[in-house]
């Protein structure tokens, strides 16, 4: 009987070794797990840099609005991958902090468009610039083509994982 490797002598069998064709996917899962843990921790820091009371999950909304301009809440929810109730709660909090504002959608009077306020744009811009500078520093030993390739592959991964 093959031990599970924890040395406790329990006799629990370890799972069979992964098939050779699965090793790349197991490696991907391991590296993404580490990356996502670090990204979550970093996201909280960045959110607090924008505003001390900002939830880390809301930082991505601000970045999306910074890049794309005015959007409907339903578009933001679909992009981020959350439900309407979660999106409404996050938008209310951002509005309360003075980082976003809402205005009627001229194309549909029943809908609202969300956009960054001047204060929100300034704060997000400062944090994004500091983040970019950290990436430049941390990846200074990388070739620019490698950075571009990583960005391309991450974009491809994100598109492939859309709901």
C-alpha atoms as a PDB file:
ATOM      1  CA  UNK A   1       0.000   0.000   0.000  1.00  0.00           C
ATOM      2  CA  UNK A   2       1.316   3.445  -0.900  1.00  0.00           C
ATOM      3  CA  UNK A   3       1.405   6.032   1.884  1.00  0.00           C
ATOM      4  CA  UNK A   4      -0.077   9.502   1.420  1.00  0.00           C
ATOM      5  CA  UNK A   5       3.315  11.026   2.124  1.00  0.00           C
ATOM      6  CA  UNK A   6       2.433  12.671   5.409  1.00  0.00           C
ATOM      7  CA  UNK A   7       4.339  10.063   7.376  1.00  0.00           C
ATOM      8  CA  UNK A   8       1.567   9.425   9.879  1.00  0.00           C
ATOM      9  CA  UNK A   9       1.398   5.742   9.077  1.00  0.00           C
ATOM     10  CA  UNK A  10      -2.348   5.898   8.564  1.00  0.00           C
ATOM     11  CA  UNK A  11      -2.122   3.744   5.485  1.00  0.00           C
ATOM     12  CA  UNK A  12      -4.259   6.115   3.450  1.00  0.00           C
ATOM     13  CA  UNK A  13      -3.487   5.602  -0.169  1.00  0.00           C
ATOM     14  CA  UNK A  14      -2.233   8.574  -2.139  1.00  0.00           C
ATOM     15  CA  UNK A  15      -4.050   9.508  -5.288  1.00  0.00           C
ATOM     16  CA  UNK A  16      -2.564   8.078  -8.417  1.00  0.00           C
ATOM     17  CA  UNK A  17       0.149  10.121 -10.046  1.00  0.00           C
ATOM     18  CA  UNK A  18      -1.178  12.558 -12.611  1.00  0.00           C
ATOM     19  CA  UNK A  19      -1.052  11.482 -16.203  1.00  0.00           C
ATOM     20  CA  UNK A  20       1.793  13.049 -18.146  1.00  0.00           C
ATOM     21  CA  UNK A  21      -0.644  15.091 -20.226  1.00  0.00           C
ATOM     22  CA  UNK A  22      -2.084  16.662 -17.046  1.00  0.00           C
ATOM     23  CA  UNK A  23       1.208  17.844 -15.546  1.00  0.00           C
ATOM     24  CA  UNK A  24       1.100  21.198 -17.353  1.00  0.00           C
ATOM     25  CA  UNK A  25      -2.388  21.869 -16.014  1.00  0.00           C
ATOM     26  CA  UNK A  26      -1.379  20.929 -12.479  1.00  0.00           C
ATOM     27  CA  UNK A  27       1.590  23.267 -12.768  1.00  0.00           C
ATOM     28  CA  UNK A  28      -0.738  26.003 -14.051  1.00  0.00           C
ATOM     29  CA  UNK A  29      -3.119  25.436 -11.139  1.00  0.00           C
ATOM     30  CA  UNK A  30      -0.275  25.628  -8.607  1.00  0.00           C
ATOM     31  CA  UNK A  31       1.182  28.838 -10.060  1.00  0.00           C
ATOM     32  CA  UNK A  32      -2.223  30.504 -10.420  1.00  0.00           C
ATOM     33  CA  UNK A  33      -3.040  29.648  -6.810  1.00  0.00           C
ATOM     34  CA  UNK A  34       0.106  31.390  -5.585  1.00  0.00           C
ATOM     35  CA  UNK A  35      -0.457  34.311  -7.950  1.00  0.00           C
ATOM     36  CA  UNK A  36      -4.085  34.766  -6.863  1.00  0.00           C
ATOM     37  CA  UNK A  37      -3.205  34.665  -3.164  1.00  0.00           C
ATOM     38  CA  UNK A  38      -0.603  37.363  -3.688  1.00  0.00           C
ATOM     39  CA  UNK A  39      -2.963  39.377  -5.907  1.00  0.00           C
ATOM     40  CA  UNK A  40      -5.720  39.301  -3.254  1.00  0.00           C
ATOM     41  CA  UNK A  41      -3.343  40.616  -0.626  1.00  0.00           C
ATOM     42  CA  UNK A  42      -2.061  43.298  -2.994  1.00  0.00           C
ATOM     43  CA  UNK A  43      -5.584  44.268  -4.038  1.00  0.00           C
ATOM     44  CA  UNK A  44      -6.495  45.102  -0.451  1.00  0.00           C
ATOM     45  CA  UNK A  45      -3.435  47.331  -0.160  1.00  0.00           C
ATOM     46  CA  UNK A  46      -4.256  49.127  -3.410  1.00  0.00           C
ATOM     47  CA  UNK A  47      -7.874  49.625  -2.436  1.00  0.00           C
ATOM     48  CA  UNK A  48      -6.817  51.218   0.853  1.00  0.00           C
ATOM     49  CA  UNK A  49      -4.450  53.500  -1.071  1.00  0.00           C
ATOM     50  CA  UNK A  50      -7.425  54.755  -3.105  1.00  0.00           C
ATOM     51  CA  UNK A  51      -9.513  55.224   0.047  1.00  0.00           C
ATOM     52  CA  UNK A  52      -9.102  53.763   3.551  1.00  0.00           C
ATOM     53  CA  UNK A  53     -12.706  52.514   3.582  1.00  0.00           C
ATOM     54  CA  UNK A  54     -12.656  50.931   0.112  1.00  0.00           C
ATOM     55  CA  UNK A  55     -13.297  47.174  -0.138  1.00  0.00           C
ATOM     56  CA  UNK A  56     -10.599  45.346  -2.061  1.00  0.00           C
ATOM     57  CA  UNK A  57     -13.170  43.853  -4.447  1.00  0.00           C
ATOM     58  CA  UNK A  58     -14.259  47.328  -5.547  1.00  0.00           C
ATOM     59  CA  UNK A  59     -10.804  48.303  -6.831  1.00  0.00           C
ATOM     60  CA  UNK A  60     -11.376  46.364 -10.055  1.00  0.00           C
ATOM     61  CA  UNK A  61     -14.579  48.319 -10.689  1.00  0.00           C
ATOM     62  CA  UNK A  62     -12.715  51.596 -10.403  1.00  0.00           C
ATOM     63  CA  UNK A  63     -10.013  50.400 -12.802  1.00  0.00           C
ATOM     64  CA  UNK A  64     -12.666  49.293 -15.308  1.00  0.00           C
ATOM     65  CA  UNK A  65     -14.390  52.677 -15.128  1.00  0.00           C
ATOM     66  CA  UNK A  66     -11.023  54.424 -15.468  1.00  0.00           C
ATOM     67  CA  UNK A  67     -10.259  52.454 -18.636  1.00  0.00           C
ATOM     68  CA  UNK A  68     -13.698  52.327 -20.242  1.00  0.00           C
ATOM     69  CA  UNK A  69     -15.542  55.388 -18.997  1.00  0.00           C
ATOM     70  CA  UNK A  70     -19.265  55.436 -18.325  1.00  0.00           C
ATOM     71  CA  UNK A  71     -20.946  52.055 -18.070  1.00  0.00           C
ATOM     72  CA  UNK A  72     -24.194  50.551 -16.914  1.00  0.00           C
ATOM     73  CA  UNK A  73     -24.155  48.583 -13.683  1.00  0.00           C
ATOM     74  CA  UNK A  74     -25.233  45.478 -15.600  1.00  0.00           C
ATOM     75  CA  UNK A  75     -22.190  45.783 -17.886  1.00  0.00           C
ATOM     76  CA  UNK A  76     -19.896  46.109 -14.887  1.00  0.00           C
ATOM     77  CA  UNK A  77     -21.499  43.122 -13.163  1.00  0.00           C
ATOM     78  CA  UNK A  78     -21.083  40.982 -16.275  1.00  0.00           C
ATOM     79  CA  UNK A  79     -17.455  42.028 -16.712  1.00  0.00           C
ATOM     80  CA  UNK A  80     -16.505  41.414 -13.074  1.00  0.00           C
ATOM     81  CA  UNK A  81     -18.631  38.266 -12.855  1.00  0.00           C
ATOM     82  CA  UNK A  82     -20.935  39.170  -9.960  1.00  0.00           C
ATOM     83  CA  UNK A  83     -24.689  39.424  -9.546  1.00  0.00           C
ATOM     84  CA  UNK A  84     -26.798  42.565  -9.653  1.00  0.00           C
ATOM     85  CA  UNK A  85     -27.245  42.705  -5.867  1.00  0.00           C
ATOM     86  CA  UNK A  86     -23.491  42.535  -5.231  1.00  0.00           C
ATOM     87  CA  UNK A  87     -22.857  45.156  -7.892  1.00  0.00           C
ATOM     88  CA  UNK A  88     -25.514  47.485  -6.474  1.00  0.00           C
ATOM     89  CA  UNK A  89     -24.016  47.197  -2.985  1.00  0.00           C
ATOM     90  CA  UNK A  90     -20.493  47.924  -4.235  1.00  0.00           C
ATOM     91  CA  UNK A  91     -21.646  50.876  -6.339  1.00  0.00           C
ATOM     92  CA  UNK A  92     -23.556  52.380  -3.400  1.00  0.00           C
ATOM     93  CA  UNK A  93     -20.417  52.138  -1.272  1.00  0.00           C
ATOM     94  CA  UNK A  94     -18.278  53.754  -3.999  1.00  0.00           C
ATOM     95  CA  UNK A  95     -20.831  56.514  -4.454  1.00  0.00           C
ATOM     96  CA  UNK A  96     -20.925  57.105  -0.692  1.00  0.00           C
ATOM     97  CA  UNK A  97     -17.115  57.500  -0.727  1.00  0.00           C
ATOM     98  CA  UNK A  98     -17.392  60.078  -3.516  1.00  0.00           C
ATOM     99  CA  UNK A  99     -15.432  57.967  -6.005  1.00  0.00           C
ATOM    100  CA  UNK A 100     -18.232  57.405  -8.530  1.00  0.00           C
ATOM    101  CA  UNK A 101     -21.423  59.124  -9.613  1.00  0.00           C
ATOM    102  CA  UNK A 102     -24.500  57.991 -11.523  1.00  0.00           C
ATOM    103  CA  UNK A 103     -26.368  59.745 -14.276  1.00  0.00           C
ATOM    104  CA  UNK A 104     -29.373  58.801 -16.407  1.00  0.00           C
ATOM    105  CA  UNK A 105     -28.515  56.895 -19.592  1.00  0.00           C
ATOM    106  CA  UNK A 106     -29.552  59.163 -22.485  1.00  0.00           C
ATOM    107  CA  UNK A 107     -30.205  56.080 -24.621  1.00  0.00           C
ATOM    108  CA  UNK A 108     -32.585  54.563 -22.043  1.00  0.00           C
ATOM    109  CA  UNK A 109     -34.225  56.741 -19.406  1.00  0.00           C
ATOM    110  CA  UNK A 110     -34.793  53.728 -17.143  1.00  0.00           C
ATOM    111  CA  UNK A 111     -31.078  52.913 -16.914  1.00  0.00           C
ATOM    112  CA  UNK A 112     -28.194  54.667 -15.200  1.00  0.00           C
ATOM    113  CA  UNK A 113     -24.593  55.146 -16.220  1.00  0.00           C
ATOM    114  CA  UNK A 114     -21.831  54.971 -13.642  1.00  0.00           C
ATOM    115  CA  UNK A 115     -18.612  56.969 -13.945  1.00  0.00           C
ATOM    116  CA  UNK A 116     -15.630  58.048 -11.879  1.00  0.00           C
ATOM    117  CA  UNK A 117     -15.823  61.421 -10.200  1.00  0.00           C
ATOM    118  CA  UNK A 118     -12.840  63.750 -10.579  1.00  0.00           C
ATOM    119  CA  UNK A 119     -11.747  62.669  -7.097  1.00  0.00           C
ATOM    120  CA  UNK A 120     -12.110  59.002  -8.025  1.00  0.00           C
ATOM    121  CA  UNK A 121     -10.151  59.465 -11.251  1.00  0.00           C
ATOM    122  CA  UNK A 122      -7.329  61.261  -9.430  1.00  0.00           C
ATOM    123  CA  UNK A 123      -7.080  58.658  -6.667  1.00  0.00           C
ATOM    124  CA  UNK A 124      -7.260  55.673  -9.011  1.00  0.00           C
ATOM    125  CA  UNK A 125      -4.708  57.273 -11.342  1.00  0.00           C
ATOM    126  CA  UNK A 126      -2.189  57.703  -8.535  1.00  0.00           C
ATOM    127  CA  UNK A 127      -2.555  54.108  -7.372  1.00  0.00           C
ATOM    128  CA  UNK A 128      -2.379  52.703 -10.905  1.00  0.00           C
ATOM    129  CA  UNK A 129       0.777  54.704 -11.608  1.00  0.00           C
ATOM    130  CA  UNK A 130       2.378  53.431  -8.387  1.00  0.00           C
ATOM    131  CA  UNK A 131       1.374  49.874  -9.293  1.00  0.00           C
ATOM    132  CA  UNK A 132       2.814  50.224 -12.798  1.00  0.00           C
ATOM    133  CA  UNK A 133       6.065  51.527 -11.307  1.00  0.00           C
ATOM    134  CA  UNK A 134       6.215  48.468  -9.011  1.00  0.00           C
ATOM    135  CA  UNK A 135       5.758  46.149 -11.990  1.00  0.00           C
ATOM    136  CA  UNK A 136       8.515  47.967 -13.881  1.00  0.00           C
ATOM    137  CA  UNK A 137      10.820  47.576 -10.881  1.00  0.00           C
ATOM    138  CA  UNK A 138       9.925  43.958 -10.109  1.00  0.00           C
ATOM    139  CA  UNK A 139      10.162  42.866 -13.740  1.00  0.00           C
ATOM    140  CA  UNK A 140      13.126  45.033 -14.734  1.00  0.00           C
ATOM    141  CA  UNK A 141      15.144  41.922 -15.555  1.00  0.00           C
ATOM    142  CA  UNK A 142      12.481  40.751 -18.018  1.00  0.00           C
ATOM    143  CA  UNK A 143      12.641  41.560 -21.699  1.00  0.00           C
ATOM    144  CA  UNK A 144       9.776  43.869 -22.777  1.00  0.00           C
ATOM    145  CA  UNK A 145       8.631  41.180 -25.235  1.00  0.00           C
ATOM    146  CA  UNK A 146       8.268  38.739 -22.330  1.00  0.00           C
ATOM    147  CA  UNK A 147       6.108  41.250 -20.465  1.00  0.00           C
ATOM    148  CA  UNK A 148       3.991  41.747 -23.593  1.00  0.00           C
ATOM    149  CA  UNK A 149       3.665  37.982 -24.022  1.00  0.00           C
ATOM    150  CA  UNK A 150       2.601  37.532 -20.404  1.00  0.00           C
ATOM    151  CA  UNK A 151      -0.038  40.240 -20.840  1.00  0.00           C
ATOM    152  CA  UNK A 152      -1.261  38.585 -24.046  1.00  0.00           C
ATOM    153  CA  UNK A 153      -1.491  35.167 -22.404  1.00  0.00           C
ATOM    154  CA  UNK A 154      -3.298  36.539 -19.346  1.00  0.00           C
ATOM    155  CA  UNK A 155      -5.786  38.342 -21.621  1.00  0.00           C
ATOM    156  CA  UNK A 156      -6.326  35.075 -23.495  1.00  0.00           C
ATOM    157  CA  UNK A 157      -6.826  33.212 -20.179  1.00  0.00           C
ATOM    158  CA  UNK A 158      -9.293  35.831 -18.910  1.00  0.00           C
ATOM    159  CA  UNK A 159     -11.317  35.687 -22.120  1.00  0.00           C
ATOM    160  CA  UNK A 160     -11.374  31.905 -22.003  1.00  0.00           C
ATOM    161  CA  UNK A 161     -12.715  31.969 -18.444  1.00  0.00           C
ATOM    162  CA  UNK A 162     -15.540  34.452 -19.037  1.00  0.00           C
ATOM    163  CA  UNK A 163     -18.939  33.226 -17.933  1.00  0.00           C
END
